[in-house]
Amino acid sequence: MANADAQVATTASLIPFLEAAARQSIYALGILLGQEPAALVAELSRQPPSRPHPFSAGRTALGSAAPAARHPPAEAEIHAATARIGVATADLFPNSRFPVRRECARAISAPG
């Protein structure tokens, strides 16, 4: 139980840093879109509807996947949001492909 409490405290201490990193990413997207840095903060900082804490309803047996199945971990949500930001950033750049003839490709990949 002490390890779990320590992990909760450690995770909680990371939240301000993660929020700051998310805000920096939002500002960077605003600049890349030619807008004021804070123009997208309201749109991209919307919080999902609040839901009860997974452990507030009572204790579950150790090893039970019920809380995780009902409430996906916050870390997964952060990864998903980061991936969406990465995709949006990539979409800002041109997607161009250049045809390469097979002879050129072989010459490039041939060892020394």
C-alpha atoms as a PDB file:
ATOM      1  CA  MET A   1       0.000   0.000   0.000  1.00  0.00           C
ATOM      2  CA  ALA A   2       2.903   2.336   0.732  1.00  0.00           C
ATOM      3  CA  ASN A   3       4.250   1.784  -2.794  1.00  0.00           C
ATOM      4  CA  ALA A   4       0.863   2.652  -4.277  1.00  0.00           C
ATOM      5  CA  ASP A   5       0.642   5.824  -2.177  1.00  0.00           C
ATOM      6  CA  ALA A   6       4.153   6.815  -3.265  1.00  0.00           C
ATOM      7  CA  GLN A   7       3.281   6.185  -6.898  1.00  0.00           C
ATOM      8  CA  VAL A   8       0.136   8.312  -6.583  1.00  0.00           C
ATOM      9  CA  ALA A   9       2.172  11.133  -5.058  1.00  0.00           C
ATOM     10  CA  THR A  10       4.821  10.863  -7.773  1.00  0.00           C
ATOM     11  CA  THR A  11       2.227  10.859 -10.527  1.00  0.00           C
ATOM     12  CA  ALA A  12       0.380  13.795  -8.980  1.00  0.00           C
ATOM     13  CA  SER A  13       3.637  15.771  -8.823  1.00  0.00           C
ATOM     14  CA  LEU A  14       4.078  15.326 -12.600  1.00  0.00           C
ATOM     15  CA  ILE A  15       0.719  16.886 -13.477  1.00  0.00           C
ATOM     16  CA  PRO A  16       1.922  20.545 -13.482  1.00  0.00           C
ATOM     17  CA  PHE A  17       4.808  19.635 -15.806  1.00  0.00           C
ATOM     18  CA  LEU A  18       2.495  17.749 -18.172  1.00  0.00           C
ATOM     19  CA  GLU A  19       0.037  20.639 -18.203  1.00  0.00           C
ATOM     20  CA  ALA A  20       2.854  23.088 -18.975  1.00  0.00           C
ATOM     21  CA  ALA A  21       4.106  20.864 -21.810  1.00  0.00           C
ATOM     22  CA  ALA A  22       0.582  20.621 -23.245  1.00  0.00           C
ATOM     23  CA  ARG A  23       0.194  24.422 -23.101  1.00  0.00           C
ATOM     24  CA  GLN A  24       3.564  24.870 -24.845  1.00  0.00           C
ATOM     25  CA  SER A  25       2.440  22.496 -27.593  1.00  0.00           C
ATOM     26  CA  ILE A  26      -0.820  24.419 -27.996  1.00  0.00           C
ATOM     27  CA  TYR A  27       1.110  27.693 -28.258  1.00  0.00           C
ATOM     28  CA  ALA A  28       3.436  26.173 -30.852  1.00  0.00           C
ATOM     29  CA  LEU A  29       0.443  24.979 -32.902  1.00  0.00           C
ATOM     30  CA  GLY A  30      -1.046  28.478 -32.734  1.00  0.00           C
ATOM     31  CA  ILE A  31       2.180  29.963 -34.060  1.00  0.00           C
ATOM     32  CA  LEU A  32       2.435  27.340 -36.821  1.00  0.00           C
ATOM     33  CA  LEU A  33      -1.122  28.178 -37.861  1.00  0.00           C
ATOM     34  CA  GLY A  34      -0.262  31.880 -38.024  1.00  0.00           C
ATOM     35  CA  GLN A  35      -2.435  32.795 -35.054  1.00  0.00           C
ATOM     36  CA  GLU A  36      -1.740  34.344 -31.691  1.00  0.00           C
ATOM     37  CA  PRO A  37      -0.047  31.754 -29.478  1.00  0.00           C
ATOM     38  CA  ALA A  38      -2.968  31.622 -27.034  1.00  0.00           C
ATOM     39  CA  ALA A  39      -5.661  31.510 -29.751  1.00  0.00           C
ATOM     40  CA  LEU A  40      -6.127  27.740 -29.517  1.00  0.00           C
ATOM     41  CA  VAL A  41      -5.910  27.378 -25.734  1.00  0.00           C
ATOM     42  CA  ALA A  42      -9.667  27.427 -25.135  1.00  0.00           C
ATOM     43  CA  GLU A  43     -10.393  25.014 -27.980  1.00  0.00           C
ATOM     44  CA  LEU A  44      -7.651  22.489 -27.216  1.00  0.00           C
ATOM     45  CA  SER A  45      -7.818  22.690 -23.417  1.00  0.00           C
ATOM     46  CA  ARG A  46     -11.412  21.562 -23.129  1.00  0.00           C
ATOM     47  CA  GLN A  47     -11.710  19.044 -20.369  1.00  0.00           C
ATOM     48  CA  PRO A  48     -13.672  15.869 -20.949  1.00  0.00           C
ATOM     49  CA  PRO A  49     -16.821  15.574 -18.850  1.00  0.00           C
ATOM     50  CA  SER A  50     -15.853  14.848 -15.273  1.00  0.00           C
ATOM     51  CA  ARG A  51     -16.272  11.350 -14.047  1.00  0.00           C
ATOM     52  CA  PRO A  52     -15.853   9.854 -10.596  1.00  0.00           C
ATOM     53  CA  HIS A  53     -12.454   8.736  -9.461  1.00  0.00           C
ATOM     54  CA  PRO A  54     -12.027   5.026 -10.228  1.00  0.00           C
ATOM     55  CA  PHE A  55     -11.445   4.130  -6.574  1.00  0.00           C
ATOM     56  CA  SER A  56     -14.081   6.384  -5.013  1.00  0.00           C
ATOM     57  CA  ALA A  57     -16.865   3.786  -5.324  1.00  0.00           C
ATOM     58  CA  GLY A  58     -15.081   1.379  -2.995  1.00  0.00           C
ATOM     59  CA  ARG A  59     -12.259  -1.076  -3.020  1.00  0.00           C
ATOM     60  CA  THR A  60     -11.919  -3.808  -5.596  1.00  0.00           C
ATOM     61  CA  ALA A  61     -10.068  -7.067  -5.277  1.00  0.00           C
ATOM     62  CA  LEU A  62      -6.402  -6.941  -6.186  1.00  0.00           C
ATOM     63  CA  GLY A  63      -5.814  -7.962  -9.753  1.00  0.00           C
ATOM     64  CA  SER A  64      -9.299  -6.968 -10.830  1.00  0.00           C
ATOM     65  CA  ALA A  65      -9.449  -5.166 -14.151  1.00  0.00           C
ATOM     66  CA  ALA A  66     -12.848  -3.621 -13.396  1.00  0.00           C
ATOM     67  CA  PRO A  67     -11.604  -0.096 -12.504  1.00  0.00           C
ATOM     68  CA  ALA A  68      -9.304   0.001 -15.509  1.00  0.00           C
ATOM     69  CA  ALA A  69     -12.073  -1.194 -17.802  1.00  0.00           C
ATOM     70  CA  ARG A  70     -14.501   1.450 -16.545  1.00  0.00           C
ATOM     71  CA  HIS A  71     -12.017   4.322 -16.496  1.00  0.00           C
ATOM     72  CA  PRO A  72      -9.079   4.248 -18.902  1.00  0.00           C
ATOM     73  CA  PRO A  73      -5.883   5.528 -17.316  1.00  0.00           C
ATOM     74  CA  ALA A  74      -5.113   9.218 -17.640  1.00  0.00           C
ATOM     75  CA  GLU A  75      -1.770   8.322 -19.184  1.00  0.00           C
ATOM     76  CA  ALA A  76      -3.528   6.759 -22.175  1.00  0.00           C
ATOM     77  CA  GLU A  77      -5.541   9.946 -22.641  1.00  0.00           C
ATOM     78  CA  ILE A  78      -2.354  12.015 -22.559  1.00  0.00           C
ATOM     79  CA  HIS A  79      -0.744   9.739 -25.161  1.00  0.00           C
ATOM     80  CA  ALA A  80      -3.808  10.025 -27.379  1.00  0.00           C
ATOM     81  CA  ALA A  81      -3.866  13.818 -27.082  1.00  0.00           C
ATOM     82  CA  THR A  82      -0.145  13.997 -27.832  1.00  0.00           C
ATOM     83  CA  ALA A  83      -0.631  11.801 -30.893  1.00  0.00           C
ATOM     84  CA  ARG A  84      -3.457  14.040 -32.141  1.00  0.00           C
ATOM     85  CA  ILE A  85      -1.206  17.092 -31.723  1.00  0.00           C
ATOM     86  CA  GLY A  86       1.559  15.314 -33.638  1.00  0.00           C
ATOM     87  CA  VAL A  87      -0.799  14.431 -36.474  1.00  0.00           C
ATOM     88  CA  ALA A  88      -2.115  17.997 -36.619  1.00  0.00           C
ATOM     89  CA  THR A  89       1.447  19.318 -36.707  1.00  0.00           C
ATOM     90  CA  ALA A  90       2.433  16.898 -39.478  1.00  0.00           C
ATOM     91  CA  ASP A  91      -0.609  17.952 -41.500  1.00  0.00           C
ATOM     92  CA  LEU A  92       0.781  21.497 -41.564  1.00  0.00           C
ATOM     93  CA  PHE A  93       3.678  20.418 -43.743  1.00  0.00           C
ATOM     94  CA  PRO A  94       3.472  19.440 -47.401  1.00  0.00           C
ATOM     95  CA  ASN A  95       3.190  15.739 -48.092  1.00  0.00           C
ATOM     96  CA  SER A  96       5.227  15.230 -51.208  1.00  0.00           C
ATOM     97  CA  ARG A  97       6.733  12.095 -52.613  1.00  0.00           C
ATOM     98  CA  PHE A  98       9.344  11.896 -55.285  1.00  0.00           C
ATOM     99  CA  PRO A  99       9.495   8.952 -57.637  1.00  0.00           C
ATOM    100  CA  VAL A 100      12.805   7.110 -57.531  1.00  0.00           C
ATOM    101  CA  ARG A 101      13.861   4.833 -60.301  1.00  0.00           C
ATOM    102  CA  ARG A 102      14.890   1.339 -59.261  1.00  0.00           C
ATOM    103  CA  GLU A 103      18.454   1.821 -60.510  1.00  0.00           C
ATOM    104  CA  CYS A 104      18.861   4.878 -58.291  1.00  0.00           C
ATOM    105  CA  ALA A 105      17.352   3.115 -55.297  1.00  0.00           C
ATOM    106  CA  ARG A 106      19.752   0.186 -55.746  1.00  0.00           C
ATOM    107  CA  ALA A 107      22.729   2.517 -56.076  1.00  0.00           C
ATOM    108  CA  ILE A 108      21.748   4.355 -52.891  1.00  0.00           C
ATOM    109  CA  SER A 109      21.196   1.210 -50.825  1.00  0.00           C
ATOM    110  CA  ALA A 110      24.210  -0.719 -52.188  1.00  0.00           C
ATOM    111  CA  PRO A 111      27.014  -1.148 -49.638  1.00  0.00           C
ATOM    112  CA  GLY A 112      30.065   1.028 -49.961  1.00  0.00           C
END
